[in-house]
C-alpha atoms as a PDB file:
ATOM      1  CA  MET A   1      42.039 -11.036  -1.362  1.00  0.00           C
ATOM      2  CA  THR A   2      41.358 -14.567  -2.604  1.00  0.00           C
ATOM      3  CA  GLY A   3      43.843 -16.800  -4.383  1.00  0.00           C
ATOM      4  CA  ILE A   4      42.218 -16.255  -7.774  1.00  0.00           C
ATOM      5  CA  GLN A   5      42.412 -12.480  -7.265  1.00  0.00           C
ATOM      6  CA  VAL A   6      46.095 -12.711  -6.387  1.00  0.00           C
ATOM      7  CA  VAL A   7      46.810 -14.702  -9.547  1.00  0.00           C
ATOM      8  CA  LEU A   8      44.782 -12.419 -11.815  1.00  0.00           C
ATOM      9  CA  THR A   9      45.820  -9.058 -10.398  1.00  0.00           C
ATOM     10  CA  ASN A  10      49.385  -9.547  -9.196  1.00  0.00           C
ATOM     11  CA  ILE A  11      50.753 -12.331 -11.393  1.00  0.00           C
ATOM     12  CA  VAL A  12      48.824 -12.305 -14.672  1.00  0.00           C
ATOM     13  CA  GLY A  13      48.338  -8.543 -14.702  1.00  0.00           C
ATOM     14  CA  GLY A  14      52.034  -7.940 -14.086  1.00  0.00           C
ATOM     15  CA  MET A  15      52.985 -10.582 -16.630  1.00  0.00           C
ATOM     16  CA  LEU A  16      50.911  -8.970 -19.350  1.00  0.00           C
ATOM     17  CA  GLU A  17      52.402  -5.581 -18.556  1.00  0.00           C
ATOM     18  CA  ILE A  18      56.040  -6.614 -18.817  1.00  0.00           C
ATOM     19  CA  VAL A  19      55.819  -9.045 -21.740  1.00  0.00           C
ATOM     20  CA  GLY A  20      55.639  -6.214 -24.259  1.00  0.00           C
ATOM     21  CA  ILE A  21      58.600  -4.443 -22.633  1.00  0.00           C
ATOM     22  CA  ILE A  22      60.664  -7.635 -22.633  1.00  0.00           C
ATOM     23  CA  ALA A  23      59.758  -8.327 -26.260  1.00  0.00           C
ATOM     24  CA  GLN A  24      60.957  -4.903 -27.389  1.00  0.00           C
ATOM     25  CA  ALA A  25      64.127  -5.238 -25.299  1.00  0.00           C
ATOM     26  CA  ILE A  26      64.920  -8.607 -26.884  1.00  0.00           C
ATOM     27  CA  GLY A  27      64.438  -7.106 -30.330  1.00  0.00           C
ATOM     28  CA  GLY A  28      66.747  -4.219 -29.466  1.00  0.00           C
ATOM     29  CA  LEU A  29      69.429  -6.660 -28.297  1.00  0.00           C
ATOM     30  CA  ALA A  30      69.107  -8.506 -31.609  1.00  0.00           C
ATOM     31  CA  ILE A  31      70.016  -5.318 -33.497  1.00  0.00           C
ATOM     32  CA  ALA A  32      72.810  -4.530 -31.019  1.00  0.00           C
ATOM     33  CA  GLN A  33      74.332  -7.975 -31.582  1.00  0.00           C
ATOM     34  CA  THR A  34      75.022  -7.150 -35.216  1.00  0.00           C
ATOM     35  CA  HIS A  35      77.441  -4.387 -34.093  1.00  0.00           C
ATOM     36  CA  LEU A  36      79.605  -6.636 -31.897  1.00  0.00           C
ATOM     37  CA  PRO A  37      83.294  -6.723 -32.965  1.00  0.00           C
ATOM     38  CA  TRP A  38      83.428 -10.467 -33.489  1.00  0.00           C
ATOM     39  CA  ILE A  39      80.336 -10.306 -35.687  1.00  0.00           C
ATOM     40  CA  HIS A  40      81.936  -7.576 -37.811  1.00  0.00           C
ATOM     41  CA  GLY A  41      85.166  -9.561 -38.092  1.00  0.00           C
ATOM     42  CA  LEU A  42      83.369 -12.731 -39.087  1.00  0.00           C
ATOM     43  CA  GLN A  43      81.217 -10.826 -41.565  1.00  0.00           C
ATOM     44  CA  THR A  44      84.325  -9.347 -43.223  1.00  0.00           C
ATOM     45  CA  ASP A  45      85.947 -12.773 -43.558  1.00  0.00           C
ATOM     46  CA  LEU A  46      82.792 -14.309 -44.988  1.00  0.00           C
ATOM     47  CA  LEU A  47      82.418 -11.458 -47.480  1.00  0.00           C
ATOM     48  CA  ALA A  48      85.936 -12.147 -48.736  1.00  0.00           C
ATOM     49  CA  VAL A  49      84.946 -15.760 -49.328  1.00  0.00           C
ATOM     50  CA  VAL A  50      81.746 -14.677 -51.081  1.00  0.00           C
ATOM     51  CA  TRP A  51      83.562 -12.297 -53.435  1.00  0.00           C
ATOM     52  CA  THR A  52      86.013 -15.085 -54.290  1.00  0.00           C
ATOM     53  CA  LEU A  53      83.183 -17.489 -55.035  1.00  0.00           C
ATOM     54  CA  LEU A  54      81.477 -14.836 -57.129  1.00  0.00           C
ATOM     55  CA  GLY A  55      84.647 -14.319 -59.166  1.00  0.00           C
ATOM     56  CA  VAL A  56      84.969 -18.047 -59.803  1.00  0.00           C
ATOM     57  CA  ARG A  57      81.307 -18.312 -60.748  1.00  0.00           C
ATOM     58  CA  VAL A  58      81.516 -15.325 -63.108  1.00  0.00           C
ATOM     59  CA  ALA A  59      84.602 -16.763 -64.797  1.00  0.00           C
ATOM     60  CA  TYR A  60      82.823 -20.078 -65.271  1.00  0.00           C
ATOM     61  CA  GLU A  61      79.689 -18.405 -66.638  1.00  0.00           C
ATOM     62  CA  ALA A  62      81.732 -16.196 -68.973  1.00  0.00           C
ATOM     63  CA  LEU A  63      83.631 -19.182 -70.348  1.00  0.00           C
ATOM     64  CA  THR A  64      80.457 -21.187 -70.796  1.00  0.00           C
ATOM     65  CA  ARG A  65      78.658 -18.350 -72.541  1.00  0.00           C
ATOM     66  CA  TYR A  66      81.669 -17.682 -74.765  1.00  0.00           C
ATOM     67  CA  ILE A  67      81.590 -21.271 -75.932  1.00  0.00           C
ATOM     68  CA  LEU A  68      77.843 -21.047 -76.536  1.00  0.00           C
ATOM     69  CA  TRP A  69      78.328 -17.715 -78.315  1.00  0.00           C
ATOM     70  CA  ASN A  70      80.796 -19.308 -80.715  1.00  0.00           C
ATOM     71  CA  GLU A  71      78.183 -21.954 -81.412  1.00  0.00           C
ATOM     72  CA  GLY A  72      75.564 -19.261 -81.996  1.00  0.00           C
ATOM     73  CA  THR A  73      73.303 -20.369 -79.116  1.00  0.00           C
ATOM     74  CA  ALA A  74      73.828 -17.523 -76.605  1.00  0.00           C
ATOM     75  CA  ASP A  75      72.962 -13.819 -76.423  1.00  0.00           C
ATOM     76  CA  LEU A  76      75.396 -11.815 -78.529  1.00  0.00           C
ATOM     77  CA  ASP A  77      76.064  -8.951 -76.114  1.00  0.00           C
ATOM     78  CA  GLY A  78      75.982 -10.912 -72.822  1.00  0.00           C
ATOM     79  CA  THR A  79      73.272  -8.685 -71.347  1.00  0.00           C
ATOM     80  CA  ALA A  80      71.725 -11.464 -69.260  1.00  0.00           C
ATOM     81  CA  LEU A  81      75.088 -12.319 -67.695  1.00  0.00           C
ATOM     82  CA  TRP A  82      75.931  -8.698 -66.936  1.00  0.00           C
ATOM     83  CA  LYS A  83      72.541  -8.131 -65.348  1.00  0.00           C
ATOM     84  CA  GLY A  84      73.001 -11.166 -63.126  1.00  0.00           C
ATOM     85  CA  ILE A  85      76.507 -10.052 -62.114  1.00  0.00           C
ATOM     86  CA  LEU A  86      75.464  -6.512 -61.203  1.00  0.00           C
ATOM     87  CA  ARG A  87      72.347  -7.696 -59.359  1.00  0.00           C
ATOM     88  CA  THR A  88      74.434 -10.199 -57.392  1.00  0.00           C
ATOM     89  CA  MET A  89      77.054  -7.602 -56.468  1.00  0.00           C
ATOM     90  CA  ILE A  90      74.359  -5.242 -55.186  1.00  0.00           C
ATOM     91  CA  TYR A  91      72.730  -7.884 -52.993  1.00  0.00           C
ATOM     92  CA  VAL A  92      76.029  -9.276 -51.692  1.00  0.00           C
ATOM     93  CA  ALA A  93      77.089  -5.792 -50.586  1.00  0.00           C
ATOM     94  CA  LEU A  94      73.726  -4.879 -49.044  1.00  0.00           C
ATOM     95  CA  ALA A  95      72.551  -8.210 -47.583  1.00  0.00           C
ATOM     96  CA  GLY A  96      73.677  -7.465 -44.014  1.00  0.00           C
ATOM     97  CA  VAL A  97      72.283  -3.929 -44.004  1.00  0.00           C
ATOM     98  CA  LEU A  98      69.062  -5.149 -45.597  1.00  0.00           C
ATOM     99  CA  ALA A  99      68.617  -7.820 -42.903  1.00  0.00           C
ATOM    100  CA  THR A 100      69.018  -5.395 -39.990  1.00  0.00           C
ATOM    101  CA  THR A 101      66.892  -2.703 -41.674  1.00  0.00           C
ATOM    102  CA  VAL A 102      63.967  -5.031 -42.348  1.00  0.00           C
ATOM    103  CA  PHE A 103      64.198  -6.505 -38.830  1.00  0.00           C
ATOM    104  CA  GLN A 104      64.200  -2.991 -37.333  1.00  0.00           C
ATOM    105  CA  TRP A 105      61.123  -2.209 -39.423  1.00  0.00           C
ATOM    106  CA  GLY A 106      59.429  -5.232 -37.845  1.00  0.00           C
ATOM    107  CA  LEU A 107      60.378  -3.980 -34.367  1.00  0.00           C
ATOM    108  CA  ASP A 108      58.949  -0.547 -35.150  1.00  0.00           C
ATOM    109  CA  LEU A 109      55.744  -2.183 -36.338  1.00  0.00           C
ATOM    110  CA  GLY A 110      55.558  -4.123 -33.074  1.00  0.00           C
ATOM    111  CA  THR A 111      56.072  -0.895 -31.114  1.00  0.00           C
ATOM    112  CA  MET A 112      53.176   0.667 -33.007  1.00  0.00           C
ATOM    113  CA  VAL A 113      50.989  -2.316 -32.128  1.00  0.00           C
ATOM    114  CA  MET A 114      51.887  -2.087 -28.442  1.00  0.00           C
ATOM    115  CA  ALA A 115      51.230   1.675 -28.443  1.00  0.00           C
ATOM    116  CA  ALA A 116      47.494   1.129 -28.972  1.00  0.00           C
ATOM    117  CA  PRO A 117      45.682   2.231 -25.764  1.00  0.00           C
ATOM    118  CA  MET A 118      44.562  -0.639 -23.539  1.00  0.00           C
ATOM    119  CA  THR A 119      43.642   1.207 -20.332  1.00  0.00           C
ATOM    120  CA  GLY A 120      40.078  -0.101 -20.352  1.00  0.00           C
ATOM    121  CA  ALA A 121      41.189  -3.697 -20.774  1.00  0.00           C
ATOM    122  CA  VAL A 122      43.746  -3.536 -17.951  1.00  0.00           C
ATOM    123  CA  GLY A 123      41.191  -1.954 -15.629  1.00  0.00           C
ATOM    124  CA  GLN A 124      38.672  -4.597 -16.610  1.00  0.00           C
ATOM    125  CA  LEU A 125      41.133  -7.300 -15.536  1.00  0.00           C
ATOM    126  CA  HIS A 126      40.944  -6.045 -11.943  1.00  0.00           C
ATOM    127  CA  THR A 127      37.133  -5.899 -12.143  1.00  0.00           C
ATOM    128  CA  VAL A 128      37.013  -9.479 -13.390  1.00  0.00           C
ATOM    129  CA  SER A 129      39.142 -10.685 -10.484  1.00  0.00           C
ATOM    130  CA  ALA A 130      36.739  -9.050  -8.013  1.00  0.00           C
ATOM    131  CA  ASP A 131      33.706 -10.521  -9.802  1.00  0.00           C
ATOM    132  CA  ILE A 132      35.157 -14.017  -9.684  1.00  0.00           C
ATOM    133  CA  ALA A 133      35.808 -13.663  -5.960  1.00  0.00           C
ATOM    134  CA  THR A 134      32.128 -12.829  -5.319  1.00  0.00           C
ATOM    135  CA  LEU A 135      30.782 -15.903  -7.113  1.00  0.00           C
ATOM    136  CA  PRO A 136      29.170 -18.486  -4.812  1.00  0.00           C
ATOM    137  CA  SER A 137      30.955 -21.646  -3.787  1.00  0.00           C
ATOM    138  CA  ALA A 138      28.764 -23.612  -6.215  1.00  0.00           C
ATOM    139  CA  VAL A 139      31.114 -22.583  -9.003  1.00  0.00           C
ATOM    140  CA  ILE A 140      34.329 -23.516  -7.225  1.00  0.00           C
ATOM    141  CA  GLY A 141      35.029 -25.867 -10.116  1.00  0.00           C
ATOM    142  CA  PHE A 142      34.882 -22.942 -12.512  1.00  0.00           C
ATOM    143  CA  ASN A 143      37.323 -20.993 -10.342  1.00  0.00           C
ATOM    144  CA  LEU A 144      39.741 -23.908 -10.446  1.00  0.00           C
ATOM    145  CA  ALA A 145      39.341 -24.315 -14.203  1.00  0.00           C
ATOM    146  CA  ALA A 146      39.907 -20.597 -14.738  1.00  0.00           C
ATOM    147  CA  LEU A 147      43.017 -20.703 -12.580  1.00  0.00           C
ATOM    148  CA  LEU A 148      44.441 -23.671 -14.499  1.00  0.00           C
ATOM    149  CA  ALA A 149      43.662 -21.979 -17.816  1.00  0.00           C
ATOM    150  CA  LEU A 150      45.412 -18.825 -16.664  1.00  0.00           C
ATOM    151  CA  VAL A 151      48.467 -20.833 -15.649  1.00  0.00           C
ATOM    152  CA  GLY A 152      48.433 -22.332 -19.134  1.00  0.00           C
ATOM    153  CA  GLY A 153      48.198 -18.817 -20.533  1.00  0.00           C
ATOM    154  CA  VAL A 154      51.288 -17.772 -18.586  1.00  0.00           C
ATOM    155  CA  VAL A 155      53.141 -20.784 -19.991  1.00  0.00           C
ATOM    156  CA  ALA A 156      52.040 -19.775 -23.491  1.00  0.00           C
ATOM    157  CA  LEU A 157      53.360 -16.266 -22.884  1.00  0.00           C
ATOM    158  CA  LEU A 158      56.703 -17.746 -21.866  1.00  0.00           C
ATOM    159  CA  VAL A 159      56.724 -19.795 -25.079  1.00  0.00           C
ATOM    160  CA  ILE A 160      56.162 -16.600 -27.076  1.00  0.00           C
ATOM    161  CA  LEU A 161      59.038 -14.897 -25.251  1.00  0.00           C
ATOM    162  CA  PHE A 162      61.331 -17.837 -26.003  1.00  0.00           C
ATOM    163  CA  GLN A 163      60.314 -17.633 -29.666  1.00  0.00           C
ATOM    164  CA  MET A 164      61.223 -13.942 -29.697  1.00  0.00           C
ATOM    165  CA  ALA A 165      64.624 -14.708 -28.163  1.00  0.00           C
ATOM    166  CA  ILE A 166      65.251 -17.412 -30.768  1.00  0.00           C
ATOM    167  CA  ARG A 167      64.416 -14.979 -33.569  1.00  0.00           C
ATOM    168  CA  SER A 168      66.879 -12.461 -32.128  1.00  0.00           C
ATOM    169  CA  ALA A 169      69.659 -15.036 -32.362  1.00  0.00           C
ATOM    170  CA  GLU A 170      68.446 -16.119 -35.798  1.00  0.00           C
ATOM    171  CA  LEU A 171      68.938 -12.588 -37.127  1.00  0.00           C
ATOM    172  CA  ILE A 172      72.726 -13.037 -36.875  1.00  0.00           C
ATOM    173  CA  TYR A 173      72.508 -16.055 -39.175  1.00  0.00           C
ATOM    174  CA  TYR A 174      70.519 -14.022 -41.687  1.00  0.00           C
ATOM    175  CA  VAL A 175      73.137 -11.255 -41.597  1.00  0.00           C
ATOM    176  CA  LEU A 176      76.037 -13.667 -42.080  1.00  0.00           C
ATOM    177  CA  ALA A 177      74.387 -16.006 -44.581  1.00  0.00           C
ATOM    178  CA  GLY A 178      72.793 -13.282 -46.719  1.00  0.00           C
ATOM    179  CA  PRO A 179      75.851 -12.640 -48.947  1.00  0.00           C
ATOM    180  CA  PHE A 180      76.239 -16.365 -49.656  1.00  0.00           C
ATOM    181  CA  LEU A 181      72.603 -16.766 -50.614  1.00  0.00           C
ATOM    182  CA  ALA A 182      72.798 -13.605 -52.739  1.00  0.00           C
ATOM    183  CA  LEU A 183      74.981 -15.595 -55.146  1.00  0.00           C
ATOM    184  CA  GLY A 184      71.719 -17.138 -56.319  1.00  0.00           C
ATOM    185  CA  GLN A 185      70.950 -13.826 -58.051  1.00  0.00           C
ATOM    186  CA  LEU A 186      73.045 -15.060 -60.967  1.00  0.00           C
ATOM    187  CA  ASN A 187      70.097 -17.326 -61.723  1.00  0.00           C
ATOM    188  CA  LEU A 188      67.026 -15.877 -63.382  1.00  0.00           C
ATOM    189  CA  ASP A 189      64.725 -17.105 -60.592  1.00  0.00           C
ATOM    190  CA  GLY A 190      66.844 -15.648 -57.789  1.00  0.00           C
ATOM    191  CA  GLY A 191      67.848 -19.081 -56.507  1.00  0.00           C
ATOM    192  CA  THR A 192      68.460 -19.328 -52.769  1.00  0.00           C
ATOM    193  CA  TRP A 193      68.064 -15.561 -52.329  1.00  0.00           C
ATOM    194  CA  THR A 194      64.303 -15.896 -52.685  1.00  0.00           C
ATOM    195  CA  ALA A 195      64.128 -18.253 -49.692  1.00  0.00           C
ATOM    196  CA  TRP A 196      66.404 -15.939 -47.663  1.00  0.00           C
ATOM    197  CA  TRP A 197      64.249 -12.892 -48.362  1.00  0.00           C
ATOM    198  CA  GLN A 198      60.990 -14.671 -47.552  1.00  0.00           C
ATOM    199  CA  GLY A 199      62.459 -15.983 -44.306  1.00  0.00           C
ATOM    200  CA  LEU A 200      63.629 -12.489 -43.359  1.00  0.00           C
ATOM    201  CA  ILE A 201      60.142 -11.064 -43.874  1.00  0.00           C
ATOM    202  CA  VAL A 202      58.646 -13.791 -41.664  1.00  0.00           C
ATOM    203  CA  LEU A 203      61.343 -13.235 -39.031  1.00  0.00           C
ATOM    204  CA  SER A 204      60.654  -9.494 -38.941  1.00  0.00           C
ATOM    205  CA  LEU A 205      56.851  -9.620 -38.905  1.00  0.00           C
ATOM    206  CA  ALA A 206      56.511 -12.445 -36.371  1.00  0.00           C
ATOM    207  CA  GLN A 207      57.165 -10.166 -33.396  1.00  0.00           C
ATOM    208  CA  ALA A 208      54.451  -7.684 -34.376  1.00  0.00           C
ATOM    209  CA  TRP A 209      52.084 -10.630 -34.979  1.00  0.00           C
ATOM    210  CA  GLN A 210      52.664 -12.040 -31.500  1.00  0.00           C
ATOM    211  CA  LEU A 211      52.385  -8.655 -29.812  1.00  0.00           C
ATOM    212  CA  LEU A 212      49.057  -8.186 -31.582  1.00  0.00           C
ATOM    213  CA  ALA A 213      47.954 -11.559 -30.190  1.00  0.00           C
ATOM    214  CA  LEU A 214      48.970 -10.378 -26.723  1.00  0.00           C
ATOM    215  CA  LYS A 215      46.927  -7.205 -27.118  1.00  0.00           C
ATOM    216  CA  GLY A 216      43.975  -9.223 -28.355  1.00  0.00           C
ATOM    217  CA  MET A 217      44.178 -11.527 -25.351  1.00  0.00           C
ATOM    218  CA  ILE A 218      44.156  -8.578 -22.944  1.00  0.00           C
ATOM    219  CA  GLY A 219      41.292  -6.912 -24.784  1.00  0.00           C
ATOM    220  CA  THR A 220      39.174 -10.047 -24.489  1.00  0.00           C
ATOM    221  CA  THR A 221      38.377  -9.182 -20.844  1.00  0.00           C
ATOM    222  CA  GLN A 222      36.219  -6.293 -22.068  1.00  0.00           C
ATOM    223  CA  PHE A 223      33.710  -8.776 -23.470  1.00  0.00           C
ATOM    224  CA  ILE A 224      32.620  -9.756 -19.977  1.00  0.00           C
ATOM    225  CA  THR A 225      30.789  -6.467 -19.354  1.00  0.00           C
ATOM    226  CA  SER A 226      30.248  -5.507 -22.985  1.00  0.00           C
ATOM    227  CA  GLN A 227      26.638  -4.799 -23.970  1.00  0.00           C
ATOM    228  CA  ALA A 228      27.278  -6.138 -27.465  1.00  0.00           C
ATOM    229  CA  ALA A 229      28.640  -9.379 -26.029  1.00  0.00           C
ATOM    230  CA  GLY A 230      25.641  -9.629 -23.690  1.00  0.00           C
ATOM    231  CA  SER A 231      23.253  -9.222 -26.607  1.00  0.00           C
ATOM    232  CA  THR A 232      25.112 -11.905 -28.534  1.00  0.00           C
ATOM    233  CA  LEU A 233      24.933 -14.261 -25.571  1.00  0.00           C
ATOM    234  CA  SER A 234      21.200 -13.665 -25.157  1.00  0.00           C
ATOM    235  CA  ALA A 235      20.638 -14.358 -28.838  1.00  0.00           C
ATOM    236  CA  VAL A 236      22.547 -17.625 -28.627  1.00  0.00           C
ATOM    237  CA  LEU A 237      20.745 -18.802 -25.499  1.00  0.00           C
ATOM    238  CA  HIS A 238      17.358 -17.503 -26.763  1.00  0.00           C
ATOM    239  CA  HIS A 239      16.453 -15.987 -23.379  1.00  0.00           C
ATOM    240  CA  GLY A 240      18.255 -14.914 -20.236  1.00  0.00           C
ATOM    241  CA  GLY A 241      16.779 -17.613 -18.041  1.00  0.00           C
ATOM    242  CA  ALA A 242      18.549 -20.291 -20.031  1.00  0.00           C
ATOM    243  CA  THR A 243      21.838 -19.020 -18.661  1.00  0.00           C
ATOM    244  CA  ALA A 244      20.764 -19.670 -15.066  1.00  0.00           C
ATOM    245  CA  ILE A 245      19.463 -23.111 -16.025  1.00  0.00           C
ATOM    246  CA  ILE A 246      22.755 -24.043 -17.685  1.00  0.00           C
ATOM    247  CA  VAL A 247      24.922 -23.314 -14.673  1.00  0.00           C
ATOM    248  CA  GLY A 248      22.312 -23.743 -11.939  1.00  0.00           C
ATOM    249  CA  LEU A 249      22.832 -20.242 -10.551  1.00  0.00           C
ATOM    250  CA  PRO A 250      20.864 -17.016 -10.230  1.00  0.00           C
ATOM    251  CA  LEU A 251      20.542 -15.116 -13.470  1.00  0.00           C
ATOM    252  CA  ALA A 252      23.231 -12.477 -12.800  1.00  0.00           C
ATOM    253  CA  ASP A 253      25.819 -14.977 -11.580  1.00  0.00           C
ATOM    254  CA  GLY A 254      25.007 -17.384 -14.392  1.00  0.00           C
ATOM    255  CA  ARG A 255      25.513 -14.776 -17.067  1.00  0.00           C
ATOM    256  CA  MET A 256      28.810 -13.737 -15.480  1.00  0.00           C
ATOM    257  CA  VAL A 257      30.110 -17.305 -15.400  1.00  0.00           C
ATOM    258  CA  VAL A 258      29.154 -17.970 -19.017  1.00  0.00           C
ATOM    259  CA  MET A 259      30.722 -14.728 -20.222  1.00  0.00           C
ATOM    260  CA  MET A 260      33.899 -15.471 -18.274  1.00  0.00           C
ATOM    261  CA  LEU A 261      34.061 -18.951 -19.749  1.00  0.00           C
ATOM    262  CA  LEU A 262      33.615 -17.686 -23.305  1.00  0.00           C
ATOM    263  CA  SER A 263      36.159 -14.922 -22.767  1.00  0.00           C
ATOM    264  CA  LEU A 264      38.611 -17.429 -21.332  1.00  0.00           C
ATOM    265  CA  LEU A 265      38.275 -19.625 -24.407  1.00  0.00           C
ATOM    266  CA  LEU A 266      38.825 -16.606 -26.648  1.00  0.00           C
ATOM    267  CA  MET A 267      41.937 -15.639 -24.683  1.00  0.00           C
ATOM    268  CA  ILE A 268      43.349 -19.116 -25.187  1.00  0.00           C
ATOM    269  CA  GLY A 269      42.565 -18.791 -28.888  1.00  0.00           C
ATOM    270  CA  TRP A 270      44.549 -15.546 -29.096  1.00  0.00           C
ATOM    271  CA  LEU A 271      47.546 -17.174 -27.421  1.00  0.00           C
ATOM    272  CA  ILE A 272      47.482 -20.174 -29.751  1.00  0.00           C
ATOM    273  CA  VAL A 273      47.314 -17.877 -32.776  1.00  0.00           C
ATOM    274  CA  GLY A 274      50.273 -15.960 -31.356  1.00  0.00           C
ATOM    275  CA  ILE A 275      52.337 -19.131 -31.022  1.00  0.00           C
ATOM    276  CA  ARG A 276      51.389 -20.289 -34.527  1.00  0.00           C
ATOM    277  CA  GLY A 277      52.029 -16.835 -36.012  1.00  0.00           C
ATOM    278  CA  PRO A 278      55.468 -17.525 -37.561  1.00  0.00           C
ATOM    279  CA  HIS A 279      54.158 -20.664 -39.266  1.00  0.00           C
ATOM    280  CA  ILE A 280      51.154 -18.806 -40.698  1.00  0.00           C
ATOM    281  CA  LEU A 281      53.350 -15.941 -41.912  1.00  0.00           C
ATOM    282  CA  GLN A 282      55.648 -18.446 -43.583  1.00  0.00           C
ATOM    283  CA  GLN A 283      52.743 -19.921 -45.517  1.00  0.00           C
ATOM    284  CA  TRP A 284      51.612 -16.460 -46.609  1.00  0.00           C
ATOM    285  CA  ALA A 285      55.130 -15.464 -47.684  1.00  0.00           C
ATOM    286  CA  TYR A 286      55.545 -18.530 -49.885  1.00  0.00           C
ATOM    287  CA  ARG A 287      52.315 -17.710 -51.710  1.00  0.00           C
ATOM    288  CA  SER A 288      52.622 -13.934 -52.004  1.00  0.00           C
ATOM    289  CA  GLY A 289      55.499 -13.631 -54.475  1.00  0.00           C
ATOM    290  CA  MET A 290      57.736 -11.678 -52.071  1.00  0.00           C
ATOM    291  CA  GLY A 291      60.922 -13.216 -53.441  1.00  0.00           C
ATOM    292  CA  SER A 292      60.090 -12.497 -57.072  1.00  0.00           C
ATOM    293  CA  GLY A 293      59.281  -8.935 -56.056  1.00  0.00           C
ATOM    294  CA  MET A 294      62.845  -8.407 -54.817  1.00  0.00           C
ATOM    295  CA  ILE A 295      64.218  -9.904 -58.046  1.00  0.00           C
ATOM    296  CA  SER A 296      62.095  -7.486 -60.057  1.00  0.00           C
ATOM    297  CA  PHE A 297      63.343  -4.615 -57.885  1.00  0.00           C
ATOM    298  CA  GLY A 298      66.936  -5.641 -58.534  1.00  0.00           C
ATOM    299  CA  GLY A 299      66.301  -5.720 -62.263  1.00  0.00           C
ATOM    300  CA  PHE A 300      64.613  -2.318 -62.109  1.00  0.00           C
ATOM    301  CA  ALA A 301      67.466  -0.789 -60.097  1.00  0.00           C
ATOM    302  CA  SER A 302      70.093  -2.018 -62.557  1.00  0.00           C
ATOM    303  CA  ARG A 303      68.127  -1.014 -65.655  1.00  0.00           C
ATOM    304  CA  PRO A 304      69.588   2.530 -66.014  1.00  0.00           C
ATOM    305  CA  PHE A 305      73.117   1.122 -65.927  1.00  0.00           C
ATOM    306  CA  PHE A 306      72.404  -1.349 -68.671  1.00  0.00           C
ATOM    307  CA  GLN A 307      70.571   1.179 -70.788  1.00  0.00           C
ATOM    308  CA  GLY A 308      73.628   3.420 -70.660  1.00  0.00           C
ATOM    309  CA  ALA A 309      75.920   0.502 -71.413  1.00  0.00           C
ATOM    310  CA  GLN A 310      73.786  -0.573 -74.352  1.00  0.00           C
ATOM    311  CA  ASN A 311      73.768   2.982 -75.728  1.00  0.00           C
ATOM    312  CA  LEU A 312      77.550   3.121 -75.387  1.00  0.00           C
ATOM    313  CA  TRP A 313      77.820  -0.266 -77.080  1.00  0.00           C
ATOM    314  CA  ALA A 314      75.577   0.896 -79.915  1.00  0.00           C
ATOM    315  CA  GLY A 315      77.581   4.096 -80.332  1.00  0.00           C
ATOM    316  CA  ALA A 316      80.850   2.208 -80.474  1.00  0.00           C
ATOM    317  CA  ALA A 317      79.431  -0.220 -83.004  1.00  0.00           C
ATOM    318  CA  SER A 318      78.132   2.642 -85.151  1.00  0.00           C
ATOM    319  CA  GLY A 319      81.526   4.344 -85.055  1.00  0.00           C
ATOM    320  CA  THR A 320      83.237   1.150 -86.124  1.00  0.00           C
ATOM    321  CA  ARG A 321      80.855   0.712 -89.036  1.00  0.00           C
ATOM    322  CA  LEU A 322      81.329   4.354 -90.067  1.00  0.00           C
ATOM    323  CA  GLY A 323      85.112   4.041 -89.969  1.00  0.00           C
ATOM    324  CA  THR A 324      84.978   0.895 -92.061  1.00  0.00           C
ATOM    325  CA  TRP A 325      82.730   2.622 -94.618  1.00  0.00           C
ATOM    326  CA  LEU A 326      85.074   5.619 -94.869  1.00  0.00           C
ATOM    327  CA  LYS A 327      88.048   3.349 -95.544  1.00  0.00           C
ATOM    328  CA  ILE A 328      86.388   1.599 -98.458  1.00  0.00           C
ATOM    329  CA  THR A 329      84.905   4.763 -99.950  1.00  0.00           C
ATOM    330  CA  PRO A 330      86.875   6.218-102.869  1.00  0.00           C
ATOM    331  CA  GLY A 331      88.997   9.067-101.609  1.00  0.00           C
ATOM    332  CA  GLY A 332      88.605   7.954 -98.025  1.00  0.00           C
ATOM    333  CA  ASP A 333      92.275   6.985 -97.436  1.00  0.00           C
END
């Protein structure tokens, strides 16, 4: 077995097989971290601070709105303030659970991506290693270039694994900081909560994105013997003989080298997209209105409460007016 075969079959093949397992294990450890005793203790202490800050903020808002109400420049029944208070209380109480639930959803999505069958691609990887070994010595430079590119691919895979580990640690910060940022729900635009929610979505989807890039990189090896890819190559080069002229080899070897080179470039492209995935998701999240969607959901969830409160308020006001009318009506006292 040649050196290139050893690298492809034993090192790269094994690396691709275990990366998905390691990624899922790292994600599972991230969820397990949230149940550690010191995390629970710290979360309880921080929640006490958050509730205190919320009380101070509500008192300040109530005083400010009372002053404005006396001046006739605020809402008469304080509906906007009550909505903000209830929405904030809901998100403060549920921020930690929401963070772990959404992150677990991202892990499940990544598991679904990794569950897609790739038997043909893995088998093709062994075929490719044998084909490279049979190429003549005239393409020794290509063998060296392919080996260097594969080493770079392994480094890129390690970068992706480090990114996954960083996200697992970052989840703890989302769990602990969520209640503080939920205080922004007192504002009509959601305040800092919007940024927290968008970041959580990116954090949760990034793993599935990178696992998809890994699957795409593995699947690229199937292009080498694909009839569709061969037809595309022939169309680009206009005729099969051009392939041999380009690389100075017999037709069959020339086509194999060109297809390997193109597949190698595509594999590198998949890895780069995987590394850039969190940045791309962040751009999408900022332009998709995810934060405003959660604000709308909070308003929708609290709507029944406020409808009941408004009906009760209206009933009390009607009773007061009726009692006043009875007192001033002749014979009413």
